[in-house]
């Protein structure tokens, strides 16, 4: 694991108690619970677009080999009232 850094946080006693109970119920430490929450809330958004692109690319959709054909396909869908 890469070198980690220490962060100290202060929280209200009732918040601490509630989070400690959640951590215990999940069988993880309070620190692990807080790290997971931070990753989910603040750090996940940065990777979401990359994950979406990777999933789209993994679909291996059949596309025309030539740009002219692809352009006609897109225009045809647009003319049919489908969103761009």
PDB file of N, CA and C in Angstrom:
ATOM      1  N   UNK A   1       0.845  -1.179   0.000  1.00  0.00           N
ATOM      2  CA  UNK A   1       0.000   0.000   0.000  1.00  0.00           C
ATOM      3  C   UNK A   1       0.887   1.238   0.000  1.00  0.00           C
ATOM      4  N   UNK A   2       0.445   2.256  -0.696  1.00  0.00           N
ATOM      5  CA  UNK A   2       1.199   3.510  -0.757  1.00  0.00           C
ATOM      6  C   UNK A   2       1.241   4.154   0.625  1.00  0.00           C
ATOM      7  N   UNK A   3       2.206   5.037   0.802  1.00  0.00           N
ATOM      8  CA  UNK A   3       2.318   5.752   2.075  1.00  0.00           C
ATOM      9  C   UNK A   3       1.026   6.515   2.343  1.00  0.00           C
ATOM     10  N   UNK A   4       0.550   6.434   3.549  1.00  0.00           N
ATOM     11  CA  UNK A   4      -0.687   7.118   3.921  1.00  0.00           C
ATOM     12  C   UNK A   4      -0.369   8.342   4.760  1.00  0.00           C
ATOM     13  N   UNK A   5      -1.339   9.218   4.845  1.00  0.00           N
ATOM     14  CA  UNK A   5      -1.213  10.435   5.645  1.00  0.00           C
ATOM     15  C   UNK A   5      -2.283  10.398   6.720  1.00  0.00           C
ATOM     16  N   UNK A   6      -1.991  11.010   7.824  1.00  0.00           N
ATOM     17  CA  UNK A   6      -2.912  11.046   8.947  1.00  0.00           C
ATOM     18  C   UNK A   6      -3.755  12.317   8.882  1.00  0.00           C
ATOM     19  N   UNK A   7      -5.059  12.150   9.128  1.00  0.00           N
ATOM     20  CA  UNK A   7      -5.971  13.286   9.228  1.00  0.00           C
ATOM     21  C   UNK A   7      -6.767  13.114  10.512  1.00  0.00           C
ATOM     22  N   UNK A   8      -6.865  14.161  11.261  1.00  0.00           N
ATOM     23  CA  UNK A   8      -7.611  14.109  12.515  1.00  0.00           C
ATOM     24  C   UNK A   8      -8.869  14.955  12.351  1.00  0.00           C
ATOM     25  N   UNK A   9     -10.006  14.388  12.721  1.00  0.00           N
ATOM     26  CA  UNK A   9     -11.262  15.130  12.624  1.00  0.00           C
ATOM     27  C   UNK A   9     -11.942  15.158  13.989  1.00  0.00           C
ATOM     28  N   UNK A  10     -12.682  16.202  14.209  1.00  0.00           N
ATOM     29  CA  UNK A  10     -13.482  16.316  15.423  1.00  0.00           C
ATOM     30  C   UNK A  10     -14.945  16.253  15.022  1.00  0.00           C
ATOM     31  N   UNK A  11     -15.743  15.550  15.800  1.00  0.00           N
ATOM     32  CA  UNK A  11     -17.172  15.478  15.508  1.00  0.00           C
ATOM     33  C   UNK A  11     -17.961  15.497  16.803  1.00  0.00           C
ATOM     34  N   UNK A  12     -19.219  15.800  16.649  1.00  0.00           N
ATOM     35  CA  UNK A  12     -20.113  15.835  17.803  1.00  0.00           C
ATOM     36  C   UNK A  12     -20.196  14.438  18.420  1.00  0.00           C
ATOM     37  N   UNK A  13     -20.345  14.346  19.746  1.00  0.00           N
ATOM     38  CA  UNK A  13     -20.395  13.042  20.409  1.00  0.00           C
ATOM     39  C   UNK A  13     -21.478  12.117  19.854  1.00  0.00           C
ATOM     40  N   UNK A  14     -22.669  12.657  19.576  1.00  0.00           N
ATOM     41  CA  UNK A  14     -23.730  11.786  19.060  1.00  0.00           C
ATOM     42  C   UNK A  14     -23.413  11.287  17.652  1.00  0.00           C
ATOM     43  N   UNK A  15     -22.758  12.121  16.831  1.00  0.00           N
ATOM     44  CA  UNK A  15     -22.342  11.680  15.496  1.00  0.00           C
ATOM     45  C   UNK A  15     -21.316  10.558  15.603  1.00  0.00           C
ATOM     46  N   UNK A  16     -20.361  10.736  16.496  1.00  0.00           N
ATOM     47  CA  UNK A  16     -19.333   9.724  16.698  1.00  0.00           C
ATOM     48  C   UNK A  16     -19.969   8.400  17.133  1.00  0.00           C
ATOM     49  N   UNK A  17     -20.889   8.472  18.082  1.00  0.00           N
ATOM     50  CA  UNK A  17     -21.547   7.266  18.595  1.00  0.00           C
ATOM     51  C   UNK A  17     -22.319   6.558  17.487  1.00  0.00           C
ATOM     52  N   UNK A  18     -23.054   7.325  16.700  1.00  0.00           N
ATOM     53  CA  UNK A  18     -23.838   6.724  15.619  1.00  0.00           C
ATOM     54  C   UNK A  18     -22.939   6.093  14.553  1.00  0.00           C
ATOM     55  N   UNK A  19     -21.869   6.795  14.182  1.00  0.00           N
ATOM     56  CA  UNK A  19     -20.953   6.243  13.186  1.00  0.00           C
ATOM     57  C   UNK A  19     -20.221   5.010  13.718  1.00  0.00           C
ATOM     58  N   UNK A  20     -19.844   5.032  14.990  1.00  0.00           N
ATOM     59  CA  UNK A  20     -19.181   3.871  15.589  1.00  0.00           C
ATOM     60  C   UNK A  20     -20.113   2.665  15.573  1.00  0.00           C
ATOM     61  N   UNK A  21     -21.392   2.888  15.813  1.00  0.00           N
ATOM     62  CA  UNK A  21     -22.363   1.789  15.785  1.00  0.00           C
ATOM     63  C   UNK A  21     -22.516   1.244  14.366  1.00  0.00           C
ATOM     64  N   UNK A  22     -22.539   2.123  13.372  1.00  0.00           N
ATOM     65  CA  UNK A  22     -22.636   1.680  11.977  1.00  0.00           C
ATOM     66  C   UNK A  22     -21.405   0.872  11.600  1.00  0.00           C
ATOM     67  N   UNK A  23     -20.234   1.366  11.984  1.00  0.00           N
ATOM     68  CA  UNK A  23     -18.991   0.658  11.682  1.00  0.00           C
ATOM     69  C   UNK A  23     -18.987  -0.730  12.326  1.00  0.00           C
ATOM     70  N   UNK A  24     -19.407  -0.803  13.582  1.00  0.00           N
ATOM     71  CA  UNK A  24     -19.440  -2.089  14.277  1.00  0.00           C
ATOM     72  C   UNK A  24     -20.409  -3.049  13.589  1.00  0.00           C
ATOM     73  N   UNK A  25     -21.552  -2.538  13.177  1.00  0.00           N
ATOM     74  CA  UNK A  25     -22.549  -3.382  12.507  1.00  0.00           C
ATOM     75  C   UNK A  25     -22.014  -3.914  11.174  1.00  0.00           C
ATOM     76  N   UNK A  26     -21.164  -3.137  10.523  1.00  0.00           N
ATOM     77  CA  UNK A  26     -20.592  -3.556   9.235  1.00  0.00           C
ATOM     78  C   UNK A  26     -19.295  -4.342   9.411  1.00  0.00           C
ATOM     79  N   UNK A  27     -18.821  -4.413  10.635  1.00  0.00           N
ATOM     80  CA  UNK A  27     -17.602  -5.163  10.916  1.00  0.00           C
ATOM     81  C   UNK A  27     -16.334  -4.471  10.421  1.00  0.00           C
ATOM     82  N   UNK A  28     -16.358  -3.135  10.406  1.00  0.00           N
ATOM     83  CA  UNK A  28     -15.185  -2.371   9.984  1.00  0.00           C
ATOM     84  C   UNK A  28     -14.849  -1.357  11.066  1.00  0.00           C
ATOM     85  N   UNK A  29     -13.649  -0.800  10.966  1.00  0.00           N
ATOM     86  CA  UNK A  29     -13.273   0.236  11.923  1.00  0.00           C
ATOM     87  C   UNK A  29     -13.968   1.537  11.557  1.00  0.00           C
ATOM     88  N   UNK A  30     -14.043   2.437  12.515  1.00  0.00           N
ATOM     89  CA  UNK A  30     -14.619   3.752  12.261  1.00  0.00           C
ATOM     90  C   UNK A  30     -13.792   4.481  11.198  1.00  0.00           C
ATOM     91  N   UNK A  31     -12.482   4.327  11.248  1.00  0.00           N
ATOM     92  CA  UNK A  31     -11.609   4.948  10.254  1.00  0.00           C
ATOM     93  C   UNK A  31     -11.922   4.438   8.848  1.00  0.00           C
ATOM     94  N   UNK A  32     -12.098   3.127   8.725  1.00  0.00           N
ATOM     95  CA  UNK A  32     -12.413   2.547   7.419  1.00  0.00           C
ATOM     96  C   UNK A  32     -13.761   3.047   6.919  1.00  0.00           C
ATOM     97  N   UNK A  33     -14.715   3.178   7.809  1.00  0.00           N
ATOM     98  CA  UNK A  33     -16.039   3.689   7.436  1.00  0.00           C
ATOM     99  C   UNK A  33     -15.943   5.120   6.911  1.00  0.00           C
ATOM    100  N   UNK A  34     -15.183   5.963   7.608  1.00  0.00           N
ATOM    101  CA  UNK A  34     -15.030   7.364   7.193  1.00  0.00           C
ATOM    102  C   UNK A  34     -14.279   7.443   5.864  1.00  0.00           C
ATOM    103  N   UNK A  35     -13.212   6.652   5.700  1.00  0.00           N
ATOM    104  CA  UNK A  35     -12.478   6.663   4.430  1.00  0.00           C
ATOM    105  C   UNK A  35     -13.381   6.251   3.272  1.00  0.00           C
ATOM    106  N   UNK A  36     -14.198   5.216   3.472  1.00  0.00           N
ATOM    107  CA  UNK A  36     -15.109   4.763   2.419  1.00  0.00           C
ATOM    108  C   UNK A  36     -16.129   5.853   2.075  1.00  0.00           C
ATOM    109  N   UNK A  37     -16.636   6.541   3.094  1.00  0.00           N
ATOM    110  CA  UNK A  37     -17.610   7.608   2.857  1.00  0.00           C
ATOM    111  C   UNK A  37     -16.976   8.762   2.079  1.00  0.00           C
ATOM    112  N   UNK A  38     -15.751   9.116   2.412  1.00  0.00           N
ATOM    113  CA  UNK A  38     -15.058  10.198   1.709  1.00  0.00           C
ATOM    114  C   UNK A  38     -14.821   9.800   0.258  1.00  0.00           C
ATOM    115  N   UNK A  39     -14.380   8.574   0.033  1.00  0.00           N
ATOM    116  CA  UNK A  39     -14.153   8.112  -1.342  1.00  0.00           C
ATOM    117  C   UNK A  39     -15.443   8.146  -2.153  1.00  0.00           C
ATOM    118  N   UNK A  40     -16.519   7.660  -1.557  1.00  0.00           N
ATOM    119  CA  UNK A  40     -17.803   7.605  -2.260  1.00  0.00           C
ATOM    120  C   UNK A  40     -18.343   9.002  -2.549  1.00  0.00           C
ATOM    121  N   UNK A  41     -18.264   9.888  -1.595  1.00  0.00           N
ATOM    122  CA  UNK A  41     -18.855  11.221  -1.734  1.00  0.00           C
ATOM    123  C   UNK A  41     -18.005  12.166  -2.578  1.00  0.00           C
ATOM    124  N   UNK A  42     -16.706  12.195  -2.351  1.00  0.00           N
ATOM    125  CA  UNK A  42     -15.870  13.224  -2.965  1.00  0.00           C
ATOM    126  C   UNK A  42     -14.892  12.733  -4.022  1.00  0.00           C
ATOM    127  N   UNK A  43     -14.479  11.496  -3.959  1.00  0.00           N
ATOM    128  CA  UNK A  43     -13.449  11.034  -4.875  1.00  0.00           C
ATOM    129  C   UNK A  43     -13.989  10.194  -6.019  1.00  0.00           C
ATOM    130  N   UNK A  44     -15.133   9.606  -5.859  1.00  0.00           N
ATOM    131  CA  UNK A  44     -15.719   8.749  -6.893  1.00  0.00           C
ATOM    132  C   UNK A  44     -16.107   9.541  -8.131  1.00  0.00           C
ATOM    133  N   UNK A  45     -16.589  10.746  -7.955  1.00  0.00           N
ATOM    134  CA  UNK A  45     -17.054  11.550  -9.085  1.00  0.00           C
ATOM    135  C   UNK A  45     -15.956  11.761 -10.119  1.00  0.00           C
ATOM    136  N   UNK A  46     -14.718  11.823  -9.685  1.00  0.00           N
ATOM    137  CA  UNK A  46     -13.623  12.045 -10.618  1.00  0.00           C
ATOM    138  C   UNK A  46     -13.412  10.849 -11.531  1.00  0.00           C
ATOM    139  N   UNK A  47     -13.728   9.652 -11.090  1.00  0.00           N
ATOM    140  CA  UNK A  47     -13.513   8.463 -11.907  1.00  0.00           C
ATOM    141  C   UNK A  47     -14.773   8.034 -12.646  1.00  0.00           C
ATOM    142  N   UNK A  48     -15.926   8.566 -12.293  1.00  0.00           N
ATOM    143  CA  UNK A  48     -17.182   8.138 -12.915  1.00  0.00           C
ATOM    144  C   UNK A  48     -17.189   8.323 -14.429  1.00  0.00           C
ATOM    145  N   UNK A  49     -16.762   9.474 -14.968  1.00  0.00           N
ATOM    146  CA  UNK A  49     -16.765   9.600 -16.434  1.00  0.00           C
ATOM    147  C   UNK A  49     -15.865   8.575 -17.122  1.00  0.00           C
ATOM    148  N   UNK A  50     -14.699   8.306 -16.541  1.00  0.00           N
ATOM    149  CA  UNK A  50     -13.801   7.311 -17.130  1.00  0.00           C
ATOM    150  C   UNK A  50     -14.447   5.926 -17.126  1.00  0.00           C
ATOM    151  N   UNK A  51     -15.109   5.584 -16.027  1.00  0.00           N
ATOM    152  CA  UNK A  51     -15.782   4.296 -15.938  1.00  0.00           C
ATOM    153  C   UNK A  51     -16.896   4.196 -16.965  1.00  0.00           C
ATOM    154  N   UNK A  52     -17.649   5.277 -17.151  1.00  0.00           N
ATOM    155  CA  UNK A  52     -18.734   5.284 -18.126  1.00  0.00           C
ATOM    156  C   UNK A  52     -18.194   5.079 -19.537  1.00  0.00           C
ATOM    157  N   UNK A  53     -17.113   5.764 -19.874  1.00  0.00           N
ATOM    158  CA  UNK A  53     -16.516   5.611 -21.195  1.00  0.00           C
ATOM    159  C   UNK A  53     -16.014   4.186 -21.384  1.00  0.00           C
ATOM    160  N   UNK A  54     -15.378   3.634 -20.374  1.00  0.00           N
ATOM    161  CA  UNK A  54     -14.882   2.264 -20.461  1.00  0.00           C
ATOM    162  C   UNK A  54     -16.028   1.274 -20.679  1.00  0.00           C
ATOM    163  N   UNK A  55     -17.156   1.488 -19.993  1.00  0.00           N
ATOM    164  CA  UNK A  55     -18.305   0.601 -20.161  1.00  0.00           C
ATOM    165  C   UNK A  55     -18.904   0.732 -21.561  1.00  0.00           C
ATOM    166  N   UNK A  56     -18.978   1.954 -22.062  1.00  0.00           N
ATOM    167  CA  UNK A  56     -19.499   2.157 -23.417  1.00  0.00           C
ATOM    168  C   UNK A  56     -18.587   1.492 -24.451  1.00  0.00           C
ATOM    169  N   UNK A  57     -17.287   1.667 -24.289  1.00  0.00           N
ATOM    170  CA  UNK A  57     -16.342   1.059 -25.221  1.00  0.00           C
ATOM    171  C   UNK A  57     -16.399  -0.471 -25.159  1.00  0.00           C
ATOM    172  N   UNK A  58     -16.662  -1.006 -23.999  1.00  0.00           N
ATOM    173  CA  UNK A  58     -16.731  -2.450 -23.829  1.00  0.00           C
ATOM    174  C   UNK A  58     -17.946  -3.060 -24.524  1.00  0.00           C
ATOM    175  N   UNK A  59     -18.936  -2.243 -24.873  1.00  0.00           N
ATOM    176  CA  UNK A  59     -20.132  -2.760 -25.534  1.00  0.00           C
ATOM    177  C   UNK A  59     -19.830  -3.283 -26.938  1.00  0.00           C
ATOM    178  N   UNK A  60     -18.791  -2.782 -27.556  1.00  0.00           N
ATOM    179  CA  UNK A  60     -18.395  -3.183 -28.905  1.00  0.00           C
ATOM    180  C   UNK A  60     -19.576  -3.108 -29.866  1.00  0.00           C
ATOM    181  N   UNK A  61     -20.173  -1.934 -29.924  1.00  0.00           N
ATOM    182  CA  UNK A  61     -21.313  -1.704 -30.800  1.00  0.00           C
ATOM    183  C   UNK A  61     -20.878  -1.737 -32.260  1.00  0.00           C
ATOM    184  N   UNK A  62     -21.721  -2.296 -33.118  1.00  0.00           N
ATOM    185  CA  UNK A  62     -21.368  -2.305 -34.537  1.00  0.00           C
ATOM    186  C   UNK A  62     -21.520  -0.901 -35.125  1.00  0.00           C
ATOM    187  N   UNK A  63     -20.444  -0.355 -35.599  1.00  0.00           N
ATOM    188  CA  UNK A  63     -20.448   0.981 -36.202  1.00  0.00           C
ATOM    189  C   UNK A  63     -19.888   0.894 -37.613  1.00  0.00           C
ATOM    190  N   UNK A  64     -20.399   1.748 -38.493  1.00  0.00           N
ATOM    191  CA  UNK A  64     -19.841   1.769 -39.850  1.00  0.00           C
ATOM    192  C   UNK A  64     -18.356   2.117 -39.807  1.00  0.00           C
ATOM    193  N   UNK A  65     -17.618   1.550 -40.736  1.00  0.00           N
ATOM    194  CA  UNK A  65     -16.176   1.797 -40.773  1.00  0.00           C
ATOM    195  C   UNK A  65     -15.846   3.172 -41.330  1.00  0.00           C
ATOM    196  N   UNK A  66     -16.708   3.711 -42.161  1.00  0.00           N
ATOM    197  CA  UNK A  66     -16.450   4.996 -42.792  1.00  0.00           C
ATOM    198  C   UNK A  66     -17.235   6.113 -42.119  1.00  0.00           C
ATOM    199  N   UNK A  67     -16.609   7.291 -41.999  1.00  0.00           N
ATOM    200  CA  UNK A  67     -17.252   8.426 -41.345  1.00  0.00           C
ATOM    201  C   UNK A  67     -18.536   8.831 -42.061  1.00  0.00           C
ATOM    202  N   UNK A  68     -18.550   8.819 -43.389  1.00  0.00           N
ATOM    203  CA  UNK A  68     -19.743   9.226 -44.138  1.00  0.00           C
ATOM    204  C   UNK A  68     -20.953   8.380 -43.759  1.00  0.00           C
ATOM    205  N   UNK A  69     -20.734   7.087 -43.617  1.00  0.00           N
ATOM    206  CA  UNK A  69     -21.833   6.188 -43.231  1.00  0.00           C
ATOM    207  C   UNK A  69     -22.302   6.485 -41.804  1.00  0.00           C
ATOM    208  N   UNK A  70     -21.357   6.716 -40.906  1.00  0.00           N
ATOM    209  CA  UNK A  70     -21.696   7.025 -39.518  1.00  0.00           C
ATOM    210  C   UNK A  70     -22.451   8.345 -39.433  1.00  0.00           C
ATOM    211  N   UNK A  71     -22.004   9.340 -40.194  1.00  0.00           N
ATOM    212  CA  UNK A  71     -22.673  10.634 -40.200  1.00  0.00           C
ATOM    213  C   UNK A  71     -24.114  10.504 -40.689  1.00  0.00           C
ATOM    214  N   UNK A  72     -24.326   9.714 -41.731  1.00  0.00           N
ATOM    215  CA  UNK A  72     -25.687   9.493 -42.243  1.00  0.00           C
ATOM    216  C   UNK A  72     -26.550   8.793 -41.204  1.00  0.00           C
ATOM    217  N   UNK A  73     -25.977   7.842 -40.504  1.00  0.00           N
ATOM    218  CA  UNK A  73     -26.708   7.137 -39.450  1.00  0.00           C
ATOM    219  C   UNK A  73     -27.126   8.099 -38.349  1.00  0.00           C
ATOM    220  N   UNK A  74     -26.212   8.960 -37.927  1.00  0.00           N
ATOM    221  CA  UNK A  74     -26.523   9.938 -36.876  1.00  0.00           C
ATOM    222  C   UNK A  74     -27.596  10.905 -37.350  1.00  0.00           C
ATOM    223  N   UNK A  75     -27.445  11.411 -38.567  1.00  0.00           N
ATOM    224  CA  UNK A  75     -28.434  12.345 -39.108  1.00  0.00           C
ATOM    225  C   UNK A  75     -29.798  11.685 -39.254  1.00  0.00           C
ATOM    226  N   UNK A  76     -29.806  10.436 -39.662  1.00  0.00           N
ATOM    227  CA  UNK A  76     -31.074   9.713 -39.794  1.00  0.00           C
ATOM    228  C   UNK A  76     -31.786   9.579 -38.466  1.00  0.00           C
ATOM    229  N   UNK A  77     -31.044   9.310 -37.411  1.00  0.00           N
ATOM    230  CA  UNK A  77     -31.641   9.193 -36.077  1.00  0.00           C
ATOM    231  C   UNK A  77     -32.156  10.563 -35.627  1.00  0.00           C
ATOM    232  N   UNK A  78     -31.399  11.605 -35.947  1.00  0.00           N
ATOM    233  CA  UNK A  78     -31.814  12.951 -35.564  1.00  0.00           C
ATOM    234  C   UNK A  78     -33.094  13.332 -36.307  1.00  0.00           C
ATOM    235  N   UNK A  79     -33.136  13.046 -37.585  1.00  0.00           N
ATOM    236  CA  UNK A  79     -34.324  13.367 -38.376  1.00  0.00           C
ATOM    237  C   UNK A  79     -35.539  12.581 -37.909  1.00  0.00           C
ATOM    238  N   UNK A  80     -35.306  11.426 -37.306  1.00  0.00           N
ATOM    239  CA  UNK A  80     -36.414  10.598 -36.817  1.00  0.00           C
ATOM    240  C   UNK A  80     -36.948  11.085 -35.484  1.00  0.00           C
ATOM    241  N   UNK A  81     -36.358  12.178 -34.951  1.00  0.00           N
ATOM    242  CA  UNK A  81     -36.842  12.734 -33.703  1.00  0.00           C
ATOM    243  C   UNK A  81     -36.156  12.198 -32.463  1.00  0.00           C
ATOM    244  N   UNK A  82     -35.138  11.380 -32.651  1.00  0.00           N
ATOM    245  CA  UNK A  82     -34.389  10.870 -31.505  1.00  0.00           C
ATOM    246  C   UNK A  82     -33.407  11.934 -31.043  1.00  0.00           C
ATOM    247  N   UNK A  83     -33.074  11.967 -29.770  1.00  0.00           N
ATOM    248  CA  UNK A  83     -32.137  12.978 -29.272  1.00  0.00           C
ATOM    249  C   UNK A  83     -30.767  12.795 -29.904  1.00  0.00           C
ATOM    250  N   UNK A  84     -30.056  13.898 -29.999  1.00  0.00           N
ATOM    251  CA  UNK A  84     -28.694  13.867 -30.566  1.00  0.00           C
ATOM    252  C   UNK A  84     -27.754  13.123 -29.670  1.00  0.00           C
TER     253      UNK A  84
END
